[in-house]
Protein backbone atom coordinates (compact mmCIF):
# COMPACT_ATOMS: atom_id res chain seq x y z
CA MET A 1 -42.87 -9.82 -22.10
CA GLU A 2 -40.85 -11.48 -19.24
CA ASN A 3 -38.08 -9.31 -19.39
CA HIS A 4 -40.42 -5.96 -19.53
CA TYR A 5 -41.55 -3.49 -16.09
CA ASP A 6 -43.06 -0.92 -15.85
CA VAL A 7 -40.62 0.77 -13.91
CA ILE A 8 -36.96 -0.41 -13.13
CA VAL A 9 -35.19 0.85 -10.13
CA ILE A 10 -31.31 0.99 -10.14
CA GLY A 11 -29.89 0.55 -6.30
CA SER A 12 -31.74 -0.52 -3.01
CA GLY A 13 -30.35 1.61 -0.99
CA PRO A 14 -33.28 4.18 0.67
CA GLY A 15 -33.87 6.04 -2.48
CA GLY A 16 -34.27 2.84 -4.33
CA GLU A 17 -36.66 1.39 -2.20
CA GLY A 18 -38.76 4.33 -1.65
CA ALA A 19 -39.10 4.65 -5.44
CA ALA A 20 -39.94 0.91 -6.03
CA MET A 21 -42.21 0.84 -2.77
CA LYS A 22 -44.31 3.45 -4.21
CA ALA A 23 -44.74 2.72 -7.89
CA THR A 24 -45.77 -1.35 -6.93
CA LYS A 25 -48.45 0.07 -4.38
CA GLU A 26 -49.75 2.02 -7.24
CA GLY A 27 -49.97 -1.29 -9.33
CA LYS A 28 -46.82 -0.85 -11.36
CA ARG A 29 -44.93 -4.04 -12.33
CA VAL A 30 -41.13 -2.89 -10.40
CA ALA A 31 -38.20 -4.78 -10.75
CA VAL A 32 -35.12 -3.68 -8.33
CA VAL A 33 -31.29 -3.73 -9.65
CA ASP A 34 -28.11 -3.83 -7.18
CA ALA A 35 -24.90 -4.53 -7.63
CA ARG A 36 -24.39 -6.23 -4.61
CA SER A 37 -25.46 -9.54 -3.23
CA LEU A 38 -27.81 -8.60 -0.76
CA VAL A 39 -30.32 -5.50 -0.45
CA GLY A 40 -30.04 -2.33 1.62
CA GLY A 41 -27.11 -0.39 -0.37
CA SER A 42 -24.27 1.47 1.08
CA CYS A 43 -26.78 3.01 3.93
CA THR A 44 -27.25 -0.44 5.37
CA HIS A 45 -23.77 -2.02 4.50
CA GLN A 46 -21.21 0.51 4.70
CA THR A 47 -22.42 3.87 5.87
CA THR A 48 -24.99 4.95 8.01
CA ILE A 49 -26.12 1.69 9.99
CA PRO A 50 -22.53 0.43 10.08
CA SER A 51 -21.04 3.30 11.70
CA LYS A 52 -23.94 4.07 14.42
CA ALA A 53 -23.73 0.76 15.36
CA LEU A 54 -20.14 0.87 15.95
CA ARG A 55 -20.85 4.25 17.87
CA HIS A 56 -23.42 3.41 20.03
CA THR A 57 -21.07 -0.28 20.87
CA ILE A 58 -18.43 2.16 21.96
CA GLN A 59 -20.72 5.02 23.62
CA LYS A 60 -21.61 1.88 26.15
CA LEU A 61 -17.91 1.15 26.55
CA VAL A 62 -17.04 4.73 27.38
CA ASP A 63 -20.28 5.03 29.88
CA THR A 64 -18.94 1.71 31.66
CA GLY A 65 -15.16 2.35 31.54
CA ARG A 66 -14.46 -0.81 29.50
CA TYR A 67 -12.85 0.96 26.47
CA GLY A 68 -9.52 -0.17 27.08
CA ASP A 69 -9.65 -3.46 26.31
CA SER A 70 -11.54 -3.37 23.19
CA LEU A 71 -10.06 -3.78 19.91
CA PHE A 72 -11.58 -1.73 16.48
CA PRO A 73 -11.92 -4.97 14.57
CA ASP A 74 -13.47 -7.16 17.28
CA LEU A 75 -16.33 -3.98 17.89
CA LEU A 76 -16.89 -3.92 13.91
CA ARG A 77 -18.61 -7.29 14.42
CA ALA A 78 -21.23 -5.48 16.71
CA ALA A 79 -22.69 -3.82 13.51
CA GLU A 80 -23.09 -7.34 11.52
CA GLY A 81 -26.11 -8.29 13.47
CA VAL A 82 -27.93 -5.20 12.87
CA ILE A 83 -27.15 -5.63 9.27
CA ARG A 84 -28.52 -8.71 9.38
CA GLN A 85 -31.84 -7.60 10.64
CA GLN A 86 -32.11 -4.75 8.22
CA VAL A 87 -30.98 -6.80 5.16
CA ASP A 88 -33.73 -9.58 6.50
CA LEU A 89 -36.45 -6.81 7.06
CA ARG A 90 -35.90 -4.92 3.15
CA LYS A 91 -36.29 -8.63 1.40
CA GLY A 92 -39.21 -9.23 3.05
CA PHE A 93 -40.27 -5.62 1.87
CA TYR A 94 -39.52 -6.82 -1.76
CA ALA A 95 -41.12 -10.19 -1.27
CA ARG A 96 -44.16 -9.18 -0.20
CA ASN A 97 -44.60 -6.18 -2.54
CA PHE A 98 -43.55 -8.58 -5.57
CA VAL A 99 -40.78 -6.92 -6.42
CA ASP A 100 -38.26 -8.83 -8.21
CA VAL A 101 -34.58 -7.96 -7.30
CA ILE A 102 -31.88 -8.64 -9.63
CA HIS A 103 -28.55 -8.55 -8.13
CA GLY A 104 -26.12 -7.18 -11.04
CA ARG A 105 -24.21 -4.27 -12.34
CA ALA A 106 -26.79 -2.36 -14.74
CA SER A 107 -25.73 0.04 -17.50
CA PHE A 108 -28.11 1.74 -20.32
CA GLU A 109 -28.13 0.22 -23.72
CA ASP A 110 -30.53 2.67 -24.76
CA SER A 111 -33.33 4.88 -23.33
CA HIS A 112 -35.48 2.13 -22.79
CA GLY A 113 -33.17 -0.75 -22.08
CA ILE A 114 -30.29 -1.80 -20.04
CA GLN A 115 -28.13 -5.06 -19.73
CA VAL A 116 -27.29 -6.46 -16.19
CA ARG A 117 -23.83 -8.31 -15.62
CA LEU A 118 -25.09 -10.64 -13.27
CA GLN A 119 -23.14 -11.37 -9.65
CA ASN A 120 -23.56 -15.45 -10.58
CA GLY A 121 -22.46 -14.65 -14.30
CA GLY A 122 -23.70 -13.94 -17.51
CA VAL A 123 -25.39 -10.88 -18.84
CA ARG A 124 -29.45 -10.15 -19.16
CA HIS A 125 -31.44 -7.51 -20.96
CA TYR A 126 -34.29 -5.83 -19.65
CA ARG A 127 -36.55 -2.81 -20.80
CA ALA A 128 -39.26 -0.67 -19.08
CA ASP A 129 -41.14 2.08 -19.30
CA GLY A 130 -39.81 4.16 -16.81
CA PHE A 131 -36.31 3.89 -14.61
CA VAL A 132 -35.18 5.56 -10.92
CA ILE A 133 -31.42 5.70 -10.51
CA ALA A 134 -30.62 4.86 -6.92
CA THR A 135 -27.44 4.26 -7.20
CA GLY A 136 -25.70 6.50 -4.07
CA ALA A 137 -22.72 7.59 -4.04
CA ARG A 138 -18.86 6.48 -2.49
CA PRO A 139 -15.77 8.32 -0.78
CA TYR A 140 -13.81 10.47 -3.32
CA HIS A 141 -10.33 9.09 -4.18
CA PRO A 142 -7.89 11.67 -5.18
CA PRO A 143 -5.82 9.92 -8.35
CA ASP A 144 -2.67 10.63 -6.45
CA VAL A 145 -3.34 8.90 -3.20
CA ASP A 146 -2.57 4.90 -3.07
CA PHE A 147 -6.36 3.76 -1.51
CA SER A 148 -5.08 -0.13 -2.38
CA HIS A 149 -2.95 0.39 0.36
CA PRO A 150 -3.61 -1.65 3.44
CA LEU A 151 -2.95 1.44 5.94
CA ILE A 152 -5.04 4.12 3.97
CA VAL A 153 -9.03 3.95 4.36
CA ASP A 154 -11.86 5.66 3.80
CA SER A 155 -15.50 5.44 5.13
CA ASP A 156 -16.50 1.90 3.33
CA SER A 157 -12.80 0.03 3.78
CA VAL A 158 -12.23 1.11 7.11
CA LEU A 159 -15.46 -1.70 8.13
CA GLU A 160 -12.86 -4.07 6.90
CA PHE A 161 -9.88 -2.94 8.63
CA LYS A 162 -8.03 -5.85 10.50
CA GLU A 163 -5.90 -4.17 12.93
CA HIS A 164 -6.60 -2.15 15.94
CA PRO A 165 -4.07 1.36 15.31
CA ARG A 166 -2.50 3.35 17.99
CA SER A 167 -2.88 6.19 15.97
CA VAL A 168 -4.89 7.77 12.68
CA THR A 169 -4.93 10.54 11.12
CA ILE A 170 -8.15 11.84 9.74
CA TYR A 171 -8.24 13.85 6.65
CA GLY A 172 -11.39 15.75 6.34
CA ALA A 173 -13.42 17.29 9.19
CA GLY A 174 -16.95 16.96 7.95
CA ILE A 175 -19.61 15.18 9.31
CA VAL A 176 -18.06 11.50 8.56
CA GLY A 177 -14.55 12.81 9.49
CA CYS A 178 -15.73 14.47 12.96
CA GLU A 179 -17.86 11.15 13.81
CA TYR A 180 -14.99 8.79 13.28
CA ALA A 181 -12.64 11.00 15.31
CA SER A 182 -15.26 10.71 18.27
CA ILE A 183 -15.18 6.94 17.18
CA PHE A 184 -11.86 6.57 17.30
CA ARG A 185 -10.96 8.28 20.71
CA GLY A 186 -13.82 6.78 22.18
CA LEU A 187 -11.42 3.39 22.00
CA GLN A 188 -8.29 5.58 23.23
CA ILE A 189 -6.79 5.78 19.61
CA LYS A 190 -4.79 8.82 19.04
CA VAL A 191 -6.40 10.98 16.52
CA ASN A 192 -5.04 13.86 14.18
CA LEU A 193 -7.98 15.71 12.59
CA ILE A 194 -7.11 17.67 9.43
CA ASN A 195 -9.63 20.58 8.34
CA SER A 196 -9.34 22.12 5.03
CA LEU A 197 -11.32 24.89 6.41
CA ASP A 198 -10.84 27.41 9.09
CA ARG A 199 -13.66 25.69 11.35
CA LEU A 200 -15.71 22.59 11.71
CA LEU A 201 -18.76 22.03 10.10
CA THR A 202 -19.68 25.47 9.11
CA PHE A 203 -23.14 25.12 8.07
CA LEU A 204 -23.99 24.80 11.64
CA ASP A 205 -24.51 27.23 14.59
CA ASP A 206 -21.25 28.61 15.74
CA GLU A 207 -22.21 27.95 19.56
CA ILE A 208 -22.42 24.52 18.44
CA VAL A 209 -19.55 24.04 16.61
CA ASP A 210 -17.35 25.50 19.24
CA ALA A 211 -19.05 23.15 21.75
CA LEU A 212 -18.08 20.21 19.59
CA SER A 213 -14.66 21.83 19.04
CA TYR A 214 -14.27 21.61 22.93
CA HIS A 215 -15.61 18.42 23.54
CA LEU A 216 -13.05 16.87 20.59
CA ARG A 217 -10.57 18.26 21.83
CA GLU A 218 -11.16 17.71 25.43
CA GLN A 219 -11.72 13.91 24.47
CA GLY A 220 -7.78 14.38 22.99
CA VAL A 221 -8.34 14.92 19.35
CA LEU A 222 -5.74 17.17 17.69
CA ILE A 223 -7.49 19.51 15.39
CA ARG A 224 -5.52 21.15 12.79
CA HIS A 225 -7.37 23.84 10.52
CA ASN A 226 -6.79 25.72 7.36
CA GLU A 227 -4.56 22.73 5.87
CA GLU A 228 -4.38 21.18 2.66
CA TYR A 229 -2.58 17.93 1.74
CA GLU A 230 0.61 18.00 -0.80
CA ARG A 231 1.05 13.99 -0.71
CA VAL A 232 1.04 10.87 0.77
CA GLU A 233 3.93 8.40 2.00
CA ALA A 234 2.92 4.67 3.04
CA ASP A 235 4.76 2.00 3.93
CA ASP A 236 4.27 -1.22 6.17
CA HIS A 237 4.69 0.91 9.17
CA GLY A 238 2.63 3.51 8.92
CA VAL A 239 1.68 6.95 7.02
CA ARG A 240 3.38 10.29 6.57
CA LEU A 241 0.74 12.80 5.27
CA HIS A 242 2.66 15.73 3.64
CA LEU A 243 0.92 19.27 3.92
CA LYS A 244 1.09 22.24 1.76
CA SER A 245 2.06 24.30 5.02
CA LYS A 246 5.43 22.10 5.30
CA LYS A 247 3.88 20.13 8.70
CA GLU A 248 4.16 16.24 8.48
CA ILE A 249 1.63 14.00 10.21
CA LEU A 250 2.77 10.72 11.05
CA SER A 251 0.56 7.83 12.20
CA ASP A 252 -0.43 4.17 12.25
CA CYS A 253 -2.80 4.96 9.12
CA LEU A 254 -4.74 7.39 6.88
CA PHE A 255 -8.57 7.90 7.00
CA TRP A 256 -9.72 9.41 4.05
CA ALA A 257 -12.95 11.74 4.57
CA GLN A 258 -13.01 14.27 1.80
CA GLY A 259 -15.88 14.13 -0.35
CA ARG A 260 -17.87 11.80 -2.43
CA THR A 261 -18.39 10.93 -5.66
CA GLY A 262 -21.60 10.02 -7.14
CA ASN A 263 -21.85 6.04 -8.57
CA SER A 264 -22.98 7.07 -12.15
CA ASP A 265 -19.89 6.16 -14.14
CA GLU A 266 -20.05 2.58 -16.40
CA MET A 267 -23.92 3.14 -16.50
CA GLY A 268 -23.94 4.41 -20.30
CA LEU A 269 -25.48 7.82 -19.05
CA GLU A 270 -23.13 10.33 -21.26
CA GLU A 271 -24.55 7.75 -24.54
CA ILE A 272 -28.35 8.43 -23.90
CA GLY A 273 -27.74 12.02 -23.40
CA ILE A 274 -27.93 12.52 -19.33
CA GLN A 275 -25.60 15.01 -17.85
CA ARG A 276 -23.26 14.32 -14.84
CA ASP A 277 -20.94 16.82 -13.09
CA TYR A 278 -17.15 16.12 -12.53
CA ARG A 279 -18.04 14.37 -8.86
CA GLY A 280 -20.43 11.89 -10.70
CA THR A 281 -24.03 13.59 -9.74
CA VAL A 282 -26.64 12.91 -12.13
CA VAL A 283 -28.25 16.41 -13.09
CA VAL A 284 -32.23 16.44 -12.61
CA ASN A 285 -35.26 18.98 -12.33
CA GLU A 286 -37.40 19.79 -9.64
CA CYS A 287 -39.09 16.48 -9.69
CA TYR A 288 -36.00 14.30 -10.22
CA GLN A 289 -36.31 14.21 -14.04
CA THR A 290 -33.01 13.95 -15.41
CA ALA A 291 -32.49 14.64 -19.47
CA GLN A 292 -34.76 11.53 -20.51
CA SER A 293 -37.86 12.62 -19.03
CA HIS A 294 -39.05 8.95 -18.02
CA ILE A 295 -35.41 8.63 -16.33
CA TYR A 296 -35.14 9.51 -12.80
CA ALA A 297 -32.45 9.82 -10.03
CA VAL A 298 -32.57 10.01 -6.45
CA GLY A 299 -30.14 10.37 -3.39
CA ASP A 300 -26.65 10.70 -3.05
CA VAL A 301 -26.15 10.55 -6.55
CA VAL A 302 -27.82 13.58 -7.10
CA GLY A 303 -26.05 15.19 -4.37
CA TYR A 304 -27.56 17.55 -1.90
CA PRO A 305 -29.17 16.61 0.82
CA ASN A 306 -27.16 13.43 0.95
CA LEU A 307 -29.14 12.11 3.54
CA ALA A 308 -30.86 8.80 3.93
CA SER A 309 -33.90 9.87 5.66
CA ALA A 310 -34.19 12.42 2.54
CA ALA A 311 -33.36 9.93 -0.23
CA TYR A 312 -36.26 7.59 0.78
CA ASP A 313 -38.53 10.76 0.45
CA GLN A 314 -37.26 11.79 -3.04
CA GLY A 315 -37.78 7.93 -4.53
CA ARG A 316 -41.47 8.32 -3.50
CA PHE A 317 -41.69 11.79 -4.96
CA ALA A 318 -39.74 10.44 -8.04
CA ALA A 319 -42.27 7.44 -8.19
CA ALA A 320 -45.15 9.12 -7.83
CA HIS A 321 -44.01 11.80 -10.73
CA LEU A 322 -43.39 8.64 -12.91
CA VAL A 323 -46.64 7.01 -12.31
CA PHE A 324 -49.12 10.51 -12.47
CA GLY A 325 -47.19 12.77 -13.80
CA GLU A 326 -46.94 15.00 -11.30
CA CYS A 327 -45.09 15.95 -8.17
CA GLU A 328 -47.34 15.19 -5.07
CA ALA A 329 -45.30 16.56 -2.86
CA HIS A 330 -41.47 17.89 -2.16
CA LEU A 331 -38.69 17.60 0.61
CA VAL A 332 -39.47 19.43 3.63
CA LYS A 333 -37.88 22.93 3.94
CA ASP A 334 -36.58 22.30 7.11
CA ILE A 335 -34.21 18.88 6.99
CA PRO A 336 -32.87 17.94 10.07
CA ALA A 337 -29.09 17.36 10.18
CA GLY A 338 -28.09 14.63 12.73
CA ILE A 339 -24.27 14.43 13.47
CA TYR A 340 -23.13 11.23 15.55
CA THR A 341 -19.99 12.76 17.41
CA LEU A 342 -19.72 11.69 20.97
CA PRO A 343 -21.95 13.74 22.16
CA GLU A 344 -24.34 13.98 19.17
CA ILE A 345 -25.68 17.03 17.77
CA SER A 346 -28.67 17.68 15.41
CA SER A 347 -30.37 20.92 14.31
CA VAL A 348 -33.01 22.18 12.30
CA GLY A 349 -33.86 25.55 10.52
CA MET A 350 -31.74 28.76 10.67
CA THR A 351 -28.48 29.84 12.44
CA GLU A 352 -27.70 33.12 14.50
CA ARG A 353 -24.96 33.82 11.15
CA GLU A 354 -27.87 33.53 8.60
CA LEU A 355 -30.55 35.30 10.95
CA THR A 356 -27.96 38.15 10.97
CA ALA A 357 -26.72 38.19 7.75
CA ASN A 358 -30.28 38.43 6.92
CA ARG A 359 -31.12 41.40 9.53
CA ILE A 360 -33.85 39.07 10.83
CA PRO A 361 -34.51 40.50 14.48
CA TYR A 362 -34.42 37.24 16.62
CA GLU A 363 -33.86 36.20 20.31
CA VAL A 364 -32.11 32.97 21.67
CA GLY A 365 -33.28 30.54 24.43
CA HIS A 366 -31.40 28.08 25.86
CA ALA A 367 -31.78 24.74 28.38
CA SER A 368 -28.66 23.40 30.00
CA PHE A 369 -29.10 19.30 30.19
CA ARG A 370 -27.01 19.69 33.31
CA HIS A 371 -30.36 21.66 34.70
CA LEU A 372 -32.53 18.69 33.52
CA ALA A 373 -33.46 16.06 35.97
CA ARG A 374 -33.70 13.25 33.43
CA ALA A 375 -30.09 14.17 32.49
CA GLN A 376 -28.97 13.85 36.24
CA ILE A 377 -30.47 10.84 36.78
CA THR A 378 -29.01 9.07 33.35
CA GLY A 379 -25.50 10.90 34.13
CA ARG A 380 -25.56 12.84 30.63
CA THR A 381 -25.35 15.95 31.49
CA THR A 382 -22.93 17.57 28.82
CA GLY A 383 -24.96 19.34 25.85
CA MET A 384 -27.84 21.79 25.66
CA LEU A 385 -30.94 22.83 23.87
CA LYS A 386 -31.17 25.97 21.80
CA ILE A 387 -33.93 27.53 20.28
CA LEU A 388 -34.05 30.66 17.85
CA PHE A 389 -37.49 32.64 17.40
CA HIS A 390 -38.49 36.02 16.21
CA ARG A 391 -38.30 39.06 18.86
CA GLY A 392 -41.65 40.21 17.80
CA THR A 393 -43.58 37.23 16.40
CA LEU A 394 -42.00 34.86 18.86
CA GLU A 395 -41.58 32.38 15.54
CA ILE A 396 -39.35 29.42 16.27
CA LEU A 397 -36.64 29.95 13.12
CA GLY A 398 -34.04 27.33 14.24
CA ILE A 399 -33.38 24.65 16.98
CA HIS A 400 -30.23 23.43 17.88
CA CYS A 401 -29.02 20.81 20.22
CA PHE A 402 -25.58 19.23 21.55
CA GLY A 403 -25.70 16.14 23.66
CA SER A 404 -27.28 12.63 24.57
CA GLU A 405 -30.31 11.76 22.16
CA ALA A 406 -29.97 15.47 20.41
CA SER A 407 -30.98 13.75 16.87
CA GLU A 408 -34.41 12.13 18.95
CA ILE A 409 -34.96 15.48 20.78
CA ILE A 410 -34.82 17.64 17.35
CA HIS A 411 -38.16 16.46 15.81
CA ILE A 412 -40.35 17.84 18.23
CA GLY A 413 -38.94 21.12 17.02
CA GLN A 414 -39.03 20.45 13.73
CA ALA A 415 -42.62 19.14 14.09
CA ILE A 416 -43.96 22.58 15.92
CA MET A 417 -42.03 24.80 13.30
CA ALA A 418 -43.97 23.19 10.39
CA GLN A 419 -47.41 24.29 11.95
CA LYS A 420 -49.12 26.70 10.45
CA GLY A 421 -51.64 29.53 11.48
CA GLY A 422 -49.38 30.78 14.60
CA GLY A 423 -49.26 27.01 15.70
CA ASN A 424 -45.31 27.72 15.12
CA THR A 425 -44.29 30.22 18.11
CA LEU A 426 -42.60 30.09 21.21
CA MET A 427 -45.94 29.96 22.99
CA TYR A 428 -46.19 26.06 22.53
CA PHE A 429 -43.45 25.13 24.54
CA ILE A 430 -44.39 27.14 27.30
CA ASN A 431 -48.13 26.06 27.59
CA THR A 432 -47.34 22.67 26.67
CA THR A 433 -47.09 20.31 29.82
CA PHE A 434 -44.45 17.92 29.25
CA ASN A 435 -43.47 14.74 31.20
CA TYR A 436 -41.19 14.67 34.05
CA PRO A 437 -38.48 13.87 34.18
CA THR A 438 -37.80 13.97 30.46
CA MET A 439 -35.10 15.10 27.79
CA ALA A 440 -37.92 16.76 25.82
CA GLU A 441 -38.53 18.82 28.79
CA ALA A 442 -35.52 21.01 27.59
CA TYR A 443 -38.23 22.94 25.55
CA ARG A 444 -40.08 23.94 28.35
CA VAL A 445 -36.79 25.33 29.74
CA ALA A 446 -35.57 27.19 26.78
CA ALA A 447 -38.55 28.48 26.04
CA LEU A 448 -38.71 30.18 29.50
CA ASN A 449 -35.60 31.44 29.24
CA GLY A 450 -35.81 32.95 26.07
CA LEU A 451 -39.42 34.56 26.66
CA ASN A 452 -37.69 36.24 29.58
CA ARG A 453 -35.26 38.09 27.35
CA VAL A 454 -37.98 40.05 25.29
CA ARG A 455 -40.73 40.46 27.93
């Protein structure tokens, strides 16, 4: 049958792409359905790629001191070329691997059939032996906040912002909130960062969080902890955020960055017995199967870890289980986190707080970037690399990095942590010859620093 496939993947972001590529490589007839007119998902069009391209452009402006003449809407265009390249690349993947791409919004009619409301009008019906839901997530919108107002934006709609604000209030100090606080301050926009907790990014190592807080404040970000909103008032001149503490924060616009919701509504999931929680997260088992064993879900629509890199792997693992009936692999235990603030942060493994709570005897090795020749050459001297290791065995337990290229540097440590048979100790970095001058040399410096504390 023309409209029957072995596998239909709903969503063309990283999770959907990973599933589609794995299934087609295993000889299955595959189609991808996406609600957008272009492939790539929100990762390409609204979140990861645009925000990181924007950040990179602003970093260059800050480095050269040219940010004073730059306007936010103009800089958004810097991301357009990258997005086009990413879309063309992914279109090529599907075409070369004979994956049909259907542009429209899918919903289940029964457990083996979907209807697709096509972008160009009309409805088509498709059937498949197996499905992978990879529809991603979107910013959470509380019902009492008017997101139709042009001065109230989120991480999706900020990319369509037409004005260059003088001030912005960011409600939510998670990864997205902290990243955009850096972006706005890089353009000399006044920033109020409202945090409902008592610290920023509590999943990170405390020393790294302290460094981030210090540098955000040095850049001019006003951080308010332990605050929750009561109501929001907006007019043509600005937005007033009323907090439960009775404070009122007035700014040109409000950037809402408080949580995300899975894109699982209006898909007919409940009608076929697939469970979702109150935030739209689809419930799956360890092999990404829903209550319908032939229907899988991966990526942000299933929640943690909410990373594009992990979503791609989840898609591959789900497709492998769908094809072969068994999980060939699982996500690695230690997934690196990357936070693209200015400077950026990356982390893998346990924090000092976790090690202390678990009564694991550990020690710390530090390398300050200002002591590295490569950092002195580039002028990027802010930051450090921190290695946590077991005092007795010298096994590496956690690596935390703050500063330029942190998200790249972390992968060296991640690779060594994953080694078996005693290859994951501090001695690897001490006995390895690094290129000089490089930022990677920080591992040798930190390892020697740590070894000096225990011997």
